Amino acid sequence: MLEGELVLIEDAGETILRAGDCAAFRKGTGNGHHMINRSARMALWRCISKSARASMKISRRVPTSI
């Protein structure tokens, strides 16, 4: 996480990620995961993968029914 706050949702549950935090997943584990921005602020994070290009993401607040 570079800026802001996102909620990481994975098979084991939810984890709040803030600036300076990171998460890693072993290839082939089948652990489904995604991020949700539940805050009112934008969040900036970086995704690095051996199987895809590195990318930078900007997450705006997206209303959810959760």
PDB file of N, CA and C in Angstrom:
ATOM      1  N   MET A   1       0.843  -1.168   0.000  1.00  0.00           N
ATOM      2  CA  MET A   1       0.000   0.000   0.000  1.00  0.00           C
ATOM      3  C   MET A   1       0.890   1.232   0.000  1.00  0.00           C
ATOM      4  N   LEU A   2       0.570   2.145  -0.890  1.00  0.00           N
ATOM      5  CA  LEU A   2       1.339   3.384  -0.962  1.00  0.00           C
ATOM      6  C   LEU A   2       0.621   4.540  -0.261  1.00  0.00           C
ATOM      7  N   GLU A   3      -0.696   4.607  -0.441  1.00  0.00           N
ATOM      8  CA  GLU A   3      -1.489   5.649   0.202  1.00  0.00           C
ATOM      9  C   GLU A   3      -2.870   5.109   0.531  1.00  0.00           C
ATOM     10  N   GLY A   4      -3.488   5.669   1.558  1.00  0.00           N
ATOM     11  CA  GLY A   4      -4.863   5.331   1.879  1.00  0.00           C
ATOM     12  C   GLY A   4      -5.001   4.010   2.605  1.00  0.00           C
ATOM     13  N   GLU A   5      -6.195   3.412   2.469  1.00  0.00           N
ATOM     14  CA  GLU A   5      -6.526   2.195   3.192  1.00  0.00           C
ATOM     15  C   GLU A   5      -7.464   1.340   2.337  1.00  0.00           C
ATOM     16  N   LEU A   6      -7.161   0.051   2.242  1.00  0.00           N
ATOM     17  CA  LEU A   6      -8.010  -0.901   1.531  1.00  0.00           C
ATOM     18  C   LEU A   6      -8.270  -2.094   2.434  1.00  0.00           C
ATOM     19  N   VAL A   7      -9.368  -2.776   2.181  1.00  0.00           N
ATOM     20  CA  VAL A   7      -9.659  -4.018   2.888  1.00  0.00           C
ATOM     21  C   VAL A   7      -9.342  -5.167   1.944  1.00  0.00           C
ATOM     22  N   LEU A   8      -8.427  -6.026   2.366  1.00  0.00           N
ATOM     23  CA  LEU A   8      -8.084  -7.230   1.620  1.00  0.00           C
ATOM     24  C   LEU A   8      -9.056  -8.322   2.057  1.00  0.00           C
ATOM     25  N   ILE A   9      -9.780  -8.876   1.101  1.00  0.00           N
ATOM     26  CA  ILE A   9     -10.708  -9.967   1.394  1.00  0.00           C
ATOM     27  C   ILE A   9     -10.158 -11.217   0.729  1.00  0.00           C
ATOM     28  N   GLU A  10      -9.923 -12.247   1.554  1.00  0.00           N
ATOM     29  CA  GLU A  10      -9.384 -13.505   1.049  1.00  0.00           C
ATOM     30  C   GLU A  10     -10.100 -14.659   1.745  1.00  0.00           C
ATOM     31  N   ASP A  11      -9.733 -15.864   1.411  1.00  0.00           N
ATOM     32  CA  ASP A  11     -10.395 -17.041   1.983  1.00  0.00           C
ATOM     33  C   ASP A  11     -10.360 -17.055   3.515  1.00  0.00           C
ATOM     34  N   ALA A  12      -9.288 -16.543   4.111  1.00  0.00           N
ATOM     35  CA  ALA A  12      -9.128 -16.567   5.571  1.00  0.00           C
ATOM     36  C   ALA A  12      -9.889 -15.443   6.283  1.00  0.00           C
ATOM     37  N   GLY A  13     -10.420 -14.477   5.542  1.00  0.00           N
ATOM     38  CA  GLY A  13     -11.142 -13.377   6.175  1.00  0.00           C
ATOM     39  C   GLY A  13     -10.736 -12.033   5.602  1.00  0.00           C
ATOM     40  N   GLU A  14     -10.895 -10.983   6.399  1.00  0.00           N
ATOM     41  CA  GLU A  14     -10.605  -9.617   5.973  1.00  0.00           C
ATOM     42  C   GLU A  14      -9.440  -9.036   6.761  1.00  0.00           C
ATOM     43  N   THR A  15      -8.610  -8.240   6.086  1.00  0.00           N
ATOM     44  CA  THR A  15      -7.479  -7.554   6.710  1.00  0.00           C
ATOM     45  C   THR A  15      -7.422  -6.136   6.169  1.00  0.00           C
ATOM     46  N   ILE A  16      -7.305  -5.157   7.066  1.00  0.00           N
ATOM     47  CA  ILE A  16      -7.156  -3.768   6.629  1.00  0.00           C
ATOM     48  C   ILE A  16      -5.699  -3.532   6.277  1.00  0.00           C
ATOM     49  N   LEU A  17      -5.450  -3.009   5.076  1.00  0.00           N
ATOM     50  CA  LEU A  17      -4.100  -2.667   4.636  1.00  0.00           C
ATOM     51  C   LEU A  17      -3.980  -1.151   4.583  1.00  0.00           C
ATOM     52  N   ARG A  18      -2.901  -0.628   5.179  1.00  0.00           N
ATOM     53  CA  ARG A  18      -2.630   0.809   5.187  1.00  0.00           C
ATOM     54  C   ARG A  18      -1.257   1.061   4.570  1.00  0.00           C
ATOM     55  N   ALA A  19      -0.954   2.326   4.322  1.00  0.00           N
ATOM     56  CA  ALA A  19       0.335   2.702   3.713  1.00  0.00           C
ATOM     57  C   ALA A  19       1.484   1.991   4.425  1.00  0.00           C
ATOM     58  N   GLY A  20       2.337   1.344   3.649  1.00  0.00           N
ATOM     59  CA  GLY A  20       3.481   0.610   4.188  1.00  0.00           C
ATOM     60  C   GLY A  20       3.225  -0.886   4.324  1.00  0.00           C
ATOM     61  N   ASP A  21       1.957  -1.317   4.280  1.00  0.00           N
ATOM     62  CA  ASP A  21       1.632  -2.736   4.398  1.00  0.00           C
ATOM     63  C   ASP A  21       1.761  -3.435   3.041  1.00  0.00           C
ATOM     64  N   CYS A  22       1.937  -4.752   3.086  1.00  0.00           N
ATOM     65  CA  CYS A  22       1.948  -5.535   1.841  1.00  0.00           C
ATOM     66  C   CYS A  22       1.327  -6.898   2.112  1.00  0.00           C
ATOM     67  N   ALA A  23       0.939  -7.560   1.052  1.00  0.00           N
ATOM     68  CA  ALA A  23       0.374  -8.907   1.138  1.00  0.00           C
ATOM     69  C   ALA A  23       0.985  -9.734   0.023  1.00  0.00           C
ATOM     70  N   ALA A  24       1.178 -11.024   0.277  1.00  0.00           N
ATOM     71  CA  ALA A  24       1.760 -11.911  -0.732  1.00  0.00           C
ATOM     72  C   ALA A  24       0.969 -13.212  -0.769  1.00  0.00           C
ATOM     73  N   PHE A  25       0.898 -13.809  -1.950  1.00  0.00           N
ATOM     74  CA  PHE A  25       0.165 -15.054  -2.136  1.00  0.00           C
ATOM     75  C   PHE A  25       1.022 -16.014  -2.952  1.00  0.00           C
ATOM     76  N   ARG A  26       1.150 -17.226  -2.470  1.00  0.00           N
ATOM     77  CA  ARG A  26       1.887 -18.248  -3.215  1.00  0.00           C
ATOM     78  C   ARG A  26       1.093 -18.678  -4.435  1.00  0.00           C
ATOM     79  N   LYS A  27       1.795 -18.868  -5.519  1.00  0.00           N
ATOM     80  CA  LYS A  27       1.175 -19.333  -6.761  1.00  0.00           C
ATOM     81  C   LYS A  27       0.572 -20.725  -6.555  1.00  0.00           C
ATOM     82  N   GLY A  28      -0.617 -20.908  -7.105  1.00  0.00           N
ATOM     83  CA  GLY A  28      -1.221 -22.227  -7.101  1.00  0.00           C
ATOM     84  C   GLY A  28      -1.956 -22.615  -5.827  1.00  0.00           C
ATOM     85  N   THR A  29      -2.089 -21.703  -4.859  1.00  0.00           N
ATOM     86  CA  THR A  29      -2.773 -22.064  -3.611  1.00  0.00           C
ATOM     87  C   THR A  29      -4.285 -22.036  -3.758  1.00  0.00           C
ATOM     88  N   GLY A  30      -4.789 -21.327  -4.768  1.00  0.00           N
ATOM     89  CA  GLY A  30      -6.225 -21.238  -4.963  1.00  0.00           C
ATOM     90  C   GLY A  30      -6.905 -20.264  -4.017  1.00  0.00           C
ATOM     91  N   ASN A  31      -6.122 -19.455  -3.282  1.00  0.00           N
ATOM     92  CA  ASN A  31      -6.687 -18.481  -2.350  1.00  0.00           C
ATOM     93  C   ASN A  31      -7.294 -17.322  -3.133  1.00  0.00           C
ATOM     94  N   GLY A  32      -8.629 -17.264  -3.168  1.00  0.00           N
ATOM     95  CA  GLY A  32      -9.285 -16.146  -3.853  1.00  0.00           C
ATOM     96  C   GLY A  32      -9.127 -14.876  -3.038  1.00  0.00           C
ATOM     97  N   HIS A  33      -8.794 -13.773  -3.693  1.00  0.00           N
ATOM     98  CA  HIS A  33      -8.592 -12.532  -2.944  1.00  0.00           C
ATOM     99  C   HIS A  33      -8.908 -11.317  -3.817  1.00  0.00           C
ATOM    100  N   HIS A  34      -9.326 -10.246  -3.164  1.00  0.00           N
ATOM    101  CA  HIS A  34      -9.562  -8.972  -3.834  1.00  0.00           C
ATOM    102  C   HIS A  34      -9.531  -7.856  -2.797  1.00  0.00           C
ATOM    103  N   MET A  35      -9.476  -6.617  -3.267  1.00  0.00           N
ATOM    104  CA  MET A  35      -9.413  -5.445  -2.394  1.00  0.00           C
ATOM    105  C   MET A  35     -10.669  -4.608  -2.563  1.00  0.00           C
ATOM    106  N   ILE A  36     -11.110  -4.005  -1.467  1.00  0.00           N
ATOM    107  CA  ILE A  36     -12.244  -3.083  -1.489  1.00  0.00           C
ATOM    108  C   ILE A  36     -11.848  -1.820  -0.740  1.00  0.00           C
ATOM    109  N   ASN A  37     -12.185  -0.690  -1.325  1.00  0.00           N
ATOM    110  CA  ASN A  37     -11.963   0.589  -0.659  1.00  0.00           C
ATOM    111  C   ASN A  37     -13.265   0.985   0.025  1.00  0.00           C
ATOM    112  N   ARG A  38     -13.314   0.877   1.343  1.00  0.00           N
ATOM    113  CA  ARG A  38     -14.508   1.244   2.113  1.00  0.00           C
ATOM    114  C   ARG A  38     -14.394   2.636   2.720  1.00  0.00           C
ATOM    115  N   SER A  39     -13.284   3.309   2.451  1.00  0.00           N
ATOM    116  CA  SER A  39     -13.075   4.647   3.013  1.00  0.00           C
ATOM    117  C   SER A  39     -13.585   5.707   2.040  1.00  0.00           C
ATOM    118  N   ALA A  40     -13.579   6.945   2.514  1.00  0.00           N
ATOM    119  CA  ALA A  40     -13.995   8.075   1.669  1.00  0.00           C
ATOM    120  C   ALA A  40     -12.823   8.624   0.857  1.00  0.00           C
ATOM    121  N   ARG A  41     -11.601   8.149   1.129  1.00  0.00           N
ATOM    122  CA  ARG A  41     -10.394   8.633   0.449  1.00  0.00           C
ATOM    123  C   ARG A  41      -9.976   7.688  -0.672  1.00  0.00           C
ATOM    124  N   MET A  42      -9.229   8.239  -1.625  1.00  0.00           N
ATOM    125  CA  MET A  42      -8.642   7.390  -2.657  1.00  0.00           C
ATOM    126  C   MET A  42      -7.487   6.597  -2.038  1.00  0.00           C
ATOM    127  N   ALA A  43      -7.202   5.437  -2.615  1.00  0.00           N
ATOM    128  CA  ALA A  43      -6.091   4.606  -2.156  1.00  0.00           C
ATOM    129  C   ALA A  43      -5.208   4.280  -3.357  1.00  0.00           C
ATOM    130  N   LEU A  44      -3.908   4.168  -3.111  1.00  0.00           N
ATOM    131  CA  LEU A  44      -2.951   3.857  -4.165  1.00  0.00           C
ATOM    132  C   LEU A  44      -2.153   2.637  -3.733  1.00  0.00           C
ATOM    133  N   TRP A  45      -2.146   1.603  -4.600  1.00  0.00           N
ATOM    134  CA  TRP A  45      -1.392   0.401  -4.278  1.00  0.00           C
ATOM    135  C   TRP A  45      -0.703  -0.132  -5.506  1.00  0.00           C
ATOM    136  N   ARG A  46       0.280  -0.964  -5.281  1.00  0.00           N
ATOM    137  CA  ARG A  46       1.068  -1.521  -6.385  1.00  0.00           C
ATOM    138  C   ARG A  46       0.966  -3.034  -6.351  1.00  0.00           C
ATOM    139  N   CYS A  47       0.754  -3.616  -7.515  1.00  0.00           N
ATOM    140  CA  CYS A  47       0.664  -5.069  -7.655  1.00  0.00           C
ATOM    141  C   CYS A  47       1.879  -5.539  -8.456  1.00  0.00           C
ATOM    142  N   ILE A  48       2.609  -6.488  -7.902  1.00  0.00           N
ATOM    143  CA  ILE A  48       3.789  -7.029  -8.578  1.00  0.00           C
ATOM    144  C   ILE A  48       3.590  -8.528  -8.730  1.00  0.00           C
ATOM    145  N   SER A  49       3.804  -9.029  -9.945  1.00  0.00           N
ATOM    146  CA  SER A  49       3.580 -10.444 -10.211  1.00  0.00           C
ATOM    147  C   SER A  49       4.608 -10.950 -11.218  1.00  0.00           C
ATOM    148  N   LYS A  50       5.033 -12.191 -11.045  1.00  0.00           N
ATOM    149  CA  LYS A  50       5.938 -12.794 -12.022  1.00  0.00           C
ATOM    150  C   LYS A  50       5.190 -13.158 -13.294  1.00  0.00           C
ATOM    151  N   SER A  51       3.874 -13.369 -13.185  1.00  0.00           N
ATOM    152  CA  SER A  51       3.118 -13.822 -14.347  1.00  0.00           C
ATOM    153  C   SER A  51       2.445 -12.680 -15.104  1.00  0.00           C
ATOM    154  N   ALA A  52       2.547 -11.466 -14.599  1.00  0.00           N
ATOM    155  CA  ALA A  52       1.935 -10.312 -15.269  1.00  0.00           C
ATOM    156  C   ALA A  52       2.805  -9.084 -15.040  1.00  0.00           C
ATOM    157  N   ARG A  53       2.581  -8.048 -15.859  1.00  0.00           N
ATOM    158  CA  ARG A  53       3.326  -6.804 -15.678  1.00  0.00           C
ATOM    159  C   ARG A  53       3.008  -6.191 -14.327  1.00  0.00           C
ATOM    160  N   ALA A  54       3.975  -5.503 -13.772  1.00  0.00           N
ATOM    161  CA  ALA A  54       3.716  -4.737 -12.552  1.00  0.00           C
ATOM    162  C   ALA A  54       2.762  -3.607 -12.912  1.00  0.00           C
ATOM    163  N   SER A  55       1.882  -3.288 -12.016  1.00  0.00           N
ATOM    164  CA  SER A  55       0.923  -2.228 -12.296  1.00  0.00           C
ATOM    165  C   SER A  55       0.671  -1.395 -11.055  1.00  0.00           C
ATOM    166  N   MET A  56       0.183  -0.194 -11.254  1.00  0.00           N
ATOM    167  CA  MET A  56      -0.183   0.666 -10.154  1.00  0.00           C
ATOM    168  C   MET A  56      -1.683   0.894 -10.235  1.00  0.00           C
ATOM    169  N   LYS A  57      -2.353   0.783  -9.125  1.00  0.00           N
ATOM    170  CA  LYS A  57      -3.804   0.902  -9.095  1.00  0.00           C
ATOM    171  C   LYS A  57      -4.214   2.081  -8.221  1.00  0.00           C
ATOM    172  N   ILE A  58      -5.243   2.782  -8.638  1.00  0.00           N
ATOM    173  CA  ILE A  58      -5.863   3.819  -7.827  1.00  0.00           C
ATOM    174  C   ILE A  58      -7.273   3.347  -7.536  1.00  0.00           C
ATOM    175  N   SER A  59      -7.607   3.230  -6.265  1.00  0.00           N
ATOM    176  CA  SER A  59      -8.920   2.733  -5.883  1.00  0.00           C
ATOM    177  C   SER A  59      -9.751   3.864  -5.308  1.00  0.00           C
ATOM    178  N   ARG A  60     -10.833   4.183  -5.978  1.00  0.00           N
ATOM    179  CA  ARG A  60     -11.769   5.177  -5.468  1.00  0.00           C
ATOM    180  C   ARG A  60     -12.798   4.463  -4.607  1.00  0.00           C
ATOM    181  N   ARG A  61     -13.483   5.211  -3.792  1.00  0.00           N
ATOM    182  CA  ARG A  61     -14.516   4.609  -2.948  1.00  0.00           C
ATOM    183  C   ARG A  61     -15.611   4.050  -3.846  1.00  0.00           C
ATOM    184  N   VAL A  62     -15.954   2.807  -3.618  1.00  0.00           N
ATOM    185  CA  VAL A  62     -17.003   2.145  -4.374  1.00  0.00           C
ATOM    186  C   VAL A  62     -18.057   1.694  -3.383  1.00  0.00           C
ATOM    187  N   PRO A  63     -19.293   2.168  -3.527  1.00  0.00           N
ATOM    188  CA  PRO A  63     -20.338   1.727  -2.589  1.00  0.00           C
ATOM    189  C   PRO A  63     -20.507   0.217  -2.648  1.00  0.00           C
ATOM    190  N   THR A  64     -20.672  -0.393  -1.487  1.00  0.00           N
ATOM    191  CA  THR A  64     -20.887  -1.832  -1.423  1.00  0.00           C
ATOM    192  C   THR A  64     -22.116  -2.111  -0.587  1.00  0.00           C
ATOM    193  N   SER A  65     -22.654  -3.277  -0.747  1.00  0.00           N
ATOM    194  CA  SER A  65     -23.814  -3.673   0.057  1.00  0.00           C
ATOM    195  C   SER A  65     -23.391  -4.500   1.254  1.00  0.00           C
ATOM    196  N   ILE A  66     -22.075  -4.581   1.506  1.00  0.00           N
ATOM    197  CA  ILE A  66     -21.558  -5.395   2.615  1.00  0.00           C
ATOM    198  C   ILE A  66     -21.741  -4.652   3.916  1.00  0.00           C
TER     199      ILE A  66
END
